[in-house]
Amino acid sequence: MNEKLIQSTSNELLSSLKNTEKRLKYELKPELSYKFRNELYVFSGFKTHAQLKEASELLLDAKGNIKDFKTFYNDVKKIDDKYNKRYLEVERNNAIAATQNAAAWKNFEKLKDTHDLEYVAVKDKRTRDDHARLSGTIASYDDDFWNKYMPPLDWQCRCSTRVRVKGAKESALPIEEAMKVGEKATTYINKDGVNKGAMFRYNAGKEEMLFPETHEYYKVPSSVKAQIKEDVFAAKTNTDAEWIAKEVFGTKKADFKKASAEQSNIVNKALKFALDKAFTNIKEFNIVEKNELGTTEFFANKETRKIEIPISFLANMKDVNVLNLLLETTFKSWLKTT
């Protein structure tokens, strides 16, 4: 798969995520930010696969003959414009909206015993009728309404939510009616009889994903899914070290002599996560056999501003549990030095 295309798409989406997090009304925990970041990489891989697959189907004309280069080139250019201009802009806006509403939902979770949540639509001529009708709908944390109709409810949806003290205001719509309006808002049948709007019946904060698993890009055989994820991982591995060196350590380079590219990639992600969470002035990190205390534990030295990571922790980097262990142990080591 085209790694440059994956990187180009992911960079655009990741940039929007980063900028959105800076302006969030509610804090987005680093764990969820990290999860969203990885999701956008994977989404970019599936988007690239869909684009290349569609392009490959343009090689032959209606009679089964190979098109001349100029015709093929012009047809592919149309696909490029569709996926990397029109679609990408809409997907970027959806990622922003989903991030904002996911953060709002996580905040609501803390207040669920004393507050309800209200659906809020932007009141202008661009607002869809059904979205406007839902504005003012109030429901509790446990209500099924929020499992299906937490905004965004469509591409370019600008709706949001706000918390309300329980009993302070009546819902603009009875929940039964709001459910029907929400269903209507997320129903538009294509020529094949498929409801394309049903994809938006999910809760980004509750399910912790910016794009639902029912997205068209993800509708590929399991074997293809596995290969796409491998390609995405390769694209990330080739760029993460450079990104970490620039964004986290300035011009400082990490010592990866004793670790494979795959291992180094995971360590990069773990350390970036740790730096976002707790560290602010790390000077360097090293992958070692044993730390300076002679043990095979993570070690963070506050005086020298150095982190040491034993290579024994890097056995199976594709196991998410190992990554969680990296993060957890890094934080514990930091606490020991403060």
Protein backbone atom coordinates (compact mmCIF):
# COMPACT_ATOMS: atom_id res chain seq x y z
CA MET A 1 0.00 0.00 0.00
CA ASN A 2 1.12 3.59 -0.61
CA GLU A 3 2.72 4.66 2.69
CA LYS A 4 3.02 8.30 1.59
CA LEU A 5 -0.73 8.44 0.99
CA ILE A 6 -1.42 6.92 4.41
CA GLN A 7 0.91 9.45 6.03
CA SER A 8 -0.56 12.37 4.11
CA THR A 9 -4.10 11.48 5.17
CA SER A 10 -3.17 10.71 8.78
CA ASN A 11 -1.17 13.94 9.08
CA GLU A 12 -4.20 15.98 8.05
CA LEU A 13 -6.51 14.18 10.48
CA LEU A 14 -3.97 14.16 13.32
CA SER A 15 -3.40 17.87 12.88
CA SER A 16 -7.12 18.51 13.32
CA LEU A 17 -7.16 16.30 16.42
CA LYS A 18 -4.22 18.14 17.96
CA ASN A 19 -5.71 21.57 17.27
CA THR A 20 -9.13 20.52 18.54
CA GLU A 21 -7.72 19.24 21.82
CA LYS A 22 -6.18 22.66 22.49
CA ARG A 23 -9.61 24.29 22.26
CA LEU A 24 -11.72 21.71 24.08
CA LYS A 25 -14.11 22.96 26.73
CA TYR A 26 -13.63 19.70 28.61
CA GLU A 27 -10.35 17.88 29.15
CA LEU A 28 -9.65 14.83 27.01
CA LYS A 29 -7.61 12.33 29.01
CA PRO A 30 -4.24 11.39 27.46
CA GLU A 31 -5.32 7.74 27.31
CA LEU A 32 -8.27 8.61 25.06
CA SER A 33 -6.23 11.08 23.02
CA TYR A 34 -3.69 8.34 22.39
CA LYS A 35 -6.46 5.92 21.39
CA PHE A 36 -7.96 8.44 18.95
CA ARG A 37 -4.53 9.12 17.47
CA ASN A 38 -4.01 5.44 16.71
CA GLU A 39 -7.53 5.16 15.30
CA LEU A 40 -6.85 7.96 12.83
CA TYR A 41 -3.74 6.15 11.59
CA VAL A 42 -5.80 2.99 11.01
CA PHE A 43 -8.66 4.94 9.42
CA SER A 44 -6.15 6.51 7.02
CA GLY A 45 -4.95 3.05 6.02
CA PHE A 46 -8.46 1.82 5.22
CA LYS A 47 -9.22 5.04 3.34
CA THR A 48 -6.07 4.56 1.25
CA HIS A 49 -7.08 0.97 0.47
CA ALA A 50 -10.55 2.09 -0.67
CA GLN A 51 -9.03 4.75 -2.90
CA LEU A 52 -6.49 2.44 -4.52
CA LYS A 53 -9.10 -0.28 -5.02
CA GLU A 54 -11.41 2.14 -6.80
CA ALA A 55 -8.52 3.37 -8.95
CA SER A 56 -7.57 -0.17 -9.96
CA GLU A 57 -11.12 -0.78 -11.18
CA LEU A 58 -10.75 2.07 -13.68
CA LEU A 59 -8.00 0.37 -15.67
CA LEU A 60 -10.46 -1.22 -18.13
CA ASP A 61 -13.21 0.43 -20.17
CA ALA A 62 -16.81 -0.83 -20.48
CA LYS A 63 -15.73 -3.35 -23.15
CA GLY A 64 -12.96 -4.80 -21.01
CA ASN A 65 -10.14 -3.14 -22.92
CA ILE A 66 -7.24 -1.38 -21.21
CA LYS A 67 -7.75 2.39 -21.29
CA ASP A 68 -5.15 4.65 -22.84
CA PHE A 69 -2.94 6.40 -20.30
CA LYS A 70 -4.51 9.86 -20.65
CA THR A 71 -8.03 8.56 -20.06
CA PHE A 72 -6.90 6.43 -17.12
CA TYR A 73 -4.92 9.35 -15.65
CA ASN A 74 -7.91 11.71 -15.85
CA ASP A 75 -10.19 9.11 -14.26
CA VAL A 76 -7.74 8.52 -11.39
CA LYS A 77 -7.35 12.26 -10.88
CA LYS A 78 -11.09 12.49 -10.29
CA ILE A 79 -10.76 9.83 -7.58
CA ASP A 80 -7.88 11.75 -6.02
CA ASP A 81 -9.99 14.91 -5.91
CA LYS A 82 -12.91 12.99 -4.40
CA TYR A 83 -11.00 11.18 -1.66
CA ASN A 84 -8.27 13.69 -0.82
CA LYS A 85 -10.18 16.92 -1.13
CA ARG A 86 -13.95 16.56 -0.75
CA TYR A 87 -14.02 13.43 1.42
CA LEU A 88 -10.98 14.37 3.50
CA GLU A 89 -12.40 17.77 4.41
CA VAL A 90 -15.67 16.20 5.55
CA GLU A 91 -13.85 13.44 7.45
CA ARG A 92 -11.62 16.02 9.12
CA ASN A 93 -14.70 17.96 10.31
CA ASN A 94 -16.29 14.76 11.56
CA ALA A 95 -13.17 13.88 13.56
CA ILE A 96 -13.28 17.34 15.15
CA ALA A 97 -16.98 17.06 16.02
CA ALA A 98 -16.60 13.53 17.37
CA THR A 99 -13.62 14.57 19.52
CA GLN A 100 -15.53 17.50 20.99
CA ASN A 101 -18.59 15.40 21.78
CA ALA A 102 -16.51 12.52 23.14
CA ALA A 103 -14.86 14.93 25.59
CA ALA A 104 -18.30 16.30 26.54
CA TRP A 105 -19.57 12.77 27.19
CA LYS A 106 -16.61 11.92 29.42
CA ASN A 107 -17.29 15.08 31.41
CA PHE A 108 -20.98 14.12 31.67
CA GLU A 109 -19.99 10.73 33.09
CA LYS A 110 -18.57 12.50 36.14
CA LEU A 111 -21.83 14.41 36.71
CA LYS A 112 -24.37 11.74 35.77
CA ASP A 113 -25.80 11.38 39.31
CA THR A 114 -26.79 15.05 39.52
CA HIS A 115 -27.12 16.12 35.88
CA ASP A 116 -28.81 15.15 32.63
CA LEU A 117 -27.58 15.91 29.11
CA GLU A 118 -29.25 18.24 26.61
CA TYR A 119 -28.99 18.01 22.82
CA VAL A 120 -28.05 21.39 21.31
CA ALA A 121 -28.36 22.29 17.63
CA VAL A 122 -26.98 25.40 15.95
CA LYS A 123 -29.98 27.55 15.08
CA ASP A 124 -29.36 28.87 11.58
CA LYS A 125 -30.48 28.20 8.00
CA ARG A 126 -27.80 25.51 7.50
CA THR A 127 -29.18 23.30 10.28
CA ARG A 128 -31.05 20.19 9.19
CA ASP A 129 -34.72 20.17 10.21
CA ASP A 130 -34.51 16.96 12.23
CA HIS A 131 -31.38 18.17 14.06
CA ALA A 132 -33.19 21.40 14.93
CA ARG A 133 -36.17 19.43 16.23
CA LEU A 134 -33.90 17.45 18.54
CA SER A 135 -32.46 20.62 20.08
CA GLY A 136 -33.54 20.90 23.70
CA THR A 137 -34.05 17.16 24.14
CA ILE A 138 -32.89 16.20 27.63
CA ALA A 139 -32.15 12.65 28.75
CA SER A 140 -30.32 10.91 31.57
CA TYR A 141 -26.96 9.17 31.30
CA ASP A 142 -28.54 5.71 31.11
CA ASP A 143 -31.11 6.60 28.46
CA ASP A 144 -30.78 4.65 25.22
CA PHE A 145 -31.16 7.93 23.32
CA TRP A 146 -27.49 8.73 23.88
CA ASN A 147 -26.36 5.32 22.64
CA LYS A 148 -27.75 6.14 19.21
CA TYR A 149 -28.13 9.89 18.84
CA MET A 150 -25.16 11.54 20.50
CA PRO A 151 -23.89 14.09 17.93
CA PRO A 152 -22.57 14.21 15.31
CA LEU A 153 -25.56 12.66 13.54
CA ASP A 154 -24.33 13.19 10.00
CA TRP A 155 -21.43 14.51 7.97
CA GLN A 156 -20.83 18.20 8.72
CA CYS A 157 -23.13 18.03 11.76
CA ARG A 158 -22.45 20.96 14.12
CA CYS A 159 -24.67 19.81 16.99
CA SER A 160 -23.34 19.53 20.52
CA THR A 161 -24.55 18.85 24.07
CA ARG A 162 -24.55 20.51 27.48
CA VAL A 163 -25.20 19.30 31.00
CA ARG A 164 -28.32 20.31 32.90
CA VAL A 165 -29.03 19.91 36.60
CA LYS A 166 -31.63 17.16 36.96
CA GLY A 167 -35.15 18.61 37.00
CA ALA A 168 -34.04 22.16 36.14
CA LYS A 169 -35.63 22.09 32.70
CA GLU A 170 -38.11 19.90 30.85
CA SER A 171 -37.10 18.13 27.67
CA ALA A 172 -38.26 19.88 24.51
CA LEU A 173 -39.40 16.51 23.19
CA PRO A 174 -40.62 13.40 25.01
CA ILE A 175 -37.90 10.76 24.69
CA GLU A 176 -40.15 8.46 22.66
CA GLU A 177 -40.66 11.20 20.09
CA ALA A 178 -36.98 12.21 20.17
CA MET A 179 -36.02 8.62 19.39
CA LYS A 180 -38.23 8.71 16.29
CA VAL A 181 -36.77 12.04 15.16
CA GLY A 182 -33.24 10.72 15.74
CA GLU A 183 -34.04 7.64 13.67
CA LYS A 184 -35.36 9.84 10.86
CA ALA A 185 -32.29 12.08 11.06
CA THR A 186 -30.00 9.08 10.59
CA THR A 187 -31.96 7.44 7.78
CA TYR A 188 -31.10 8.01 4.14
CA ILE A 189 -31.31 5.03 1.83
CA ASN A 190 -28.93 4.73 -1.14
CA LYS A 191 -29.70 3.17 -4.52
CA ASP A 192 -28.75 -0.27 -3.18
CA GLY A 193 -31.30 -0.03 -0.38
CA VAL A 194 -28.67 0.49 2.32
CA ASN A 195 -29.23 3.06 5.06
CA LYS A 196 -26.04 5.13 4.91
CA GLY A 197 -27.12 7.28 7.85
CA ALA A 198 -27.25 4.40 10.32
CA MET A 199 -23.47 4.65 10.62
CA PHE A 200 -23.93 7.68 12.86
CA ARG A 201 -25.97 5.79 15.46
CA TYR A 202 -23.18 5.53 17.98
CA ASN A 203 -21.63 7.47 20.87
CA ALA A 204 -18.02 8.54 20.22
CA GLY A 205 -17.32 9.10 23.92
CA LYS A 206 -18.94 5.92 25.18
CA GLU A 207 -17.49 3.69 22.46
CA GLU A 208 -14.23 5.68 22.36
CA MET A 209 -13.96 5.91 18.59
CA LEU A 210 -14.15 8.82 16.15
CA PHE A 211 -15.39 6.77 13.20
CA PRO A 212 -17.75 3.83 13.83
CA GLU A 213 -16.81 0.30 12.84
CA THR A 214 -19.69 0.32 10.34
CA HIS A 215 -17.92 2.92 8.16
CA GLU A 216 -17.72 1.92 4.49
CA TYR A 217 -13.91 1.87 4.52
CA TYR A 218 -13.92 -0.94 7.07
CA LYS A 219 -16.16 -3.22 5.01
CA VAL A 220 -13.42 -5.50 3.69
CA PRO A 221 -12.59 -9.20 4.26
CA SER A 222 -10.82 -10.02 7.54
CA SER A 223 -7.65 -11.05 5.68
CA VAL A 224 -7.56 -7.65 3.96
CA LYS A 225 -8.14 -5.90 7.29
CA ALA A 226 -5.13 -7.67 8.77
CA GLN A 227 -2.92 -6.66 5.85
CA ILE A 228 -4.06 -3.04 5.98
CA LYS A 229 -3.23 -2.86 9.68
CA GLU A 230 0.22 -4.30 8.98
CA ASP A 231 0.76 -1.64 6.30
CA VAL A 232 -0.40 1.09 8.67
CA PHE A 233 2.00 -0.16 11.34
CA ALA A 234 4.85 -0.07 8.83
CA ALA A 235 3.97 3.50 7.85
CA LYS A 236 3.93 4.54 11.51
CA THR A 237 7.21 2.79 12.25
CA ASN A 238 8.92 4.69 9.46
CA THR A 239 7.79 8.08 10.77
CA ASP A 240 7.41 7.84 14.55
CA ALA A 241 11.10 8.02 15.48
CA GLU A 242 11.57 11.19 13.46
CA TRP A 243 8.34 12.66 14.86
CA ILE A 244 9.32 11.90 18.47
CA ALA A 245 12.80 13.36 17.99
CA LYS A 246 11.29 16.57 16.64
CA GLU A 247 8.16 16.98 18.76
CA VAL A 248 9.35 15.58 22.08
CA PHE A 249 13.12 15.77 22.24
CA GLY A 250 13.81 18.67 19.87
CA THR A 251 16.95 17.71 17.95
CA LYS A 252 17.86 14.92 20.36
CA LYS A 253 18.05 11.42 18.88
CA ALA A 254 17.11 8.30 20.80
CA ASP A 255 19.50 5.37 21.13
CA PHE A 256 17.81 2.46 19.33
CA LYS A 257 20.90 0.33 18.79
CA LYS A 258 19.57 -2.56 20.86
CA ALA A 259 15.97 -2.46 19.71
CA SER A 260 14.24 -3.34 16.48
CA ALA A 261 12.26 -0.75 14.52
CA GLU A 262 9.04 -2.29 15.75
CA GLN A 263 10.14 -2.15 19.37
CA SER A 264 11.41 1.40 19.03
CA ASN A 265 8.09 2.46 17.56
CA ILE A 266 6.17 1.26 20.59
CA VAL A 267 8.67 2.80 23.00
CA ASN A 268 8.28 6.10 21.16
CA LYS A 269 4.53 5.99 21.60
CA ALA A 270 4.81 5.05 25.27
CA LEU A 271 7.26 7.84 25.99
CA LYS A 272 5.26 10.45 24.11
CA PHE A 273 2.26 9.40 26.14
CA ALA A 274 4.30 9.59 29.36
CA LEU A 275 5.65 13.00 28.46
CA ASP A 276 2.16 14.33 27.77
CA LYS A 277 1.00 12.95 31.10
CA ALA A 278 3.79 13.66 33.55
CA PHE A 279 7.19 14.54 32.17
CA THR A 280 7.97 18.02 30.94
CA ASN A 281 11.76 18.27 30.78
CA ILE A 282 13.19 14.91 29.74
CA LYS A 283 16.73 15.17 28.39
CA GLU A 284 17.14 11.68 26.95
CA PHE A 285 16.04 8.07 27.08
CA ASN A 286 17.92 4.87 26.43
CA ILE A 287 17.05 1.23 25.83
CA VAL A 288 19.33 -0.80 28.09
CA GLU A 289 19.95 -4.33 29.37
CA LYS A 290 19.69 -3.07 32.97
CA ASN A 291 19.07 0.37 34.40
CA GLU A 292 21.64 2.34 36.38
CA LEU A 293 20.47 0.64 39.57
CA GLY A 294 21.30 -2.73 38.04
CA THR A 295 17.67 -3.90 37.78
CA THR A 296 15.38 -4.62 34.84
CA GLU A 297 12.82 -1.99 35.85
CA PHE A 298 11.92 1.23 34.14
CA PHE A 299 13.95 4.00 35.72
CA ALA A 300 13.36 7.76 35.62
CA ASN A 301 16.09 9.96 37.11
CA LYS A 302 14.81 13.39 38.05
CA GLU A 303 18.31 14.82 38.53
CA THR A 304 19.71 13.81 35.14
CA ARG A 305 16.31 13.99 33.40
CA LYS A 306 16.87 10.58 31.88
CA ILE A 307 14.64 7.53 31.35
CA GLU A 308 16.05 4.02 31.00
CA ILE A 309 13.96 1.24 29.47
CA PRO A 310 15.11 -2.39 29.85
CA ILE A 311 15.02 -4.27 26.57
CA SER A 312 13.45 -7.23 28.42
CA PHE A 313 10.15 -5.31 28.39
CA LEU A 314 10.15 -5.29 24.60
CA ALA A 315 9.33 -8.91 23.86
CA ASN A 316 6.01 -8.71 22.06
CA MET A 317 5.24 -5.21 20.89
CA LYS A 318 2.04 -6.10 19.06
CA ASP A 319 0.40 -7.08 22.33
CA VAL A 320 -1.56 -4.09 23.65
CA ASN A 321 -1.08 -5.40 27.18
CA VAL A 322 2.66 -4.93 26.80
CA LEU A 323 2.12 -1.33 25.75
CA ASN A 324 -0.10 -0.74 28.76
CA LEU A 325 2.63 -2.24 30.93
CA LEU A 326 5.16 0.15 29.40
CA LEU A 327 2.96 3.13 30.23
CA GLU A 328 2.03 1.98 33.72
CA THR A 329 5.61 1.17 34.67
CA THR A 330 6.88 4.46 33.29
CA PHE A 331 4.49 6.37 35.52
CA LYS A 332 5.39 4.27 38.57
CA SER A 333 9.09 4.93 37.98
CA TRP A 334 8.41 8.63 37.74
CA LEU A 335 6.55 8.63 41.04
CA LYS A 336 9.47 6.90 42.70
CA THR A 337 11.82 9.73 41.71
CA THR A 338 9.63 12.67 42.77
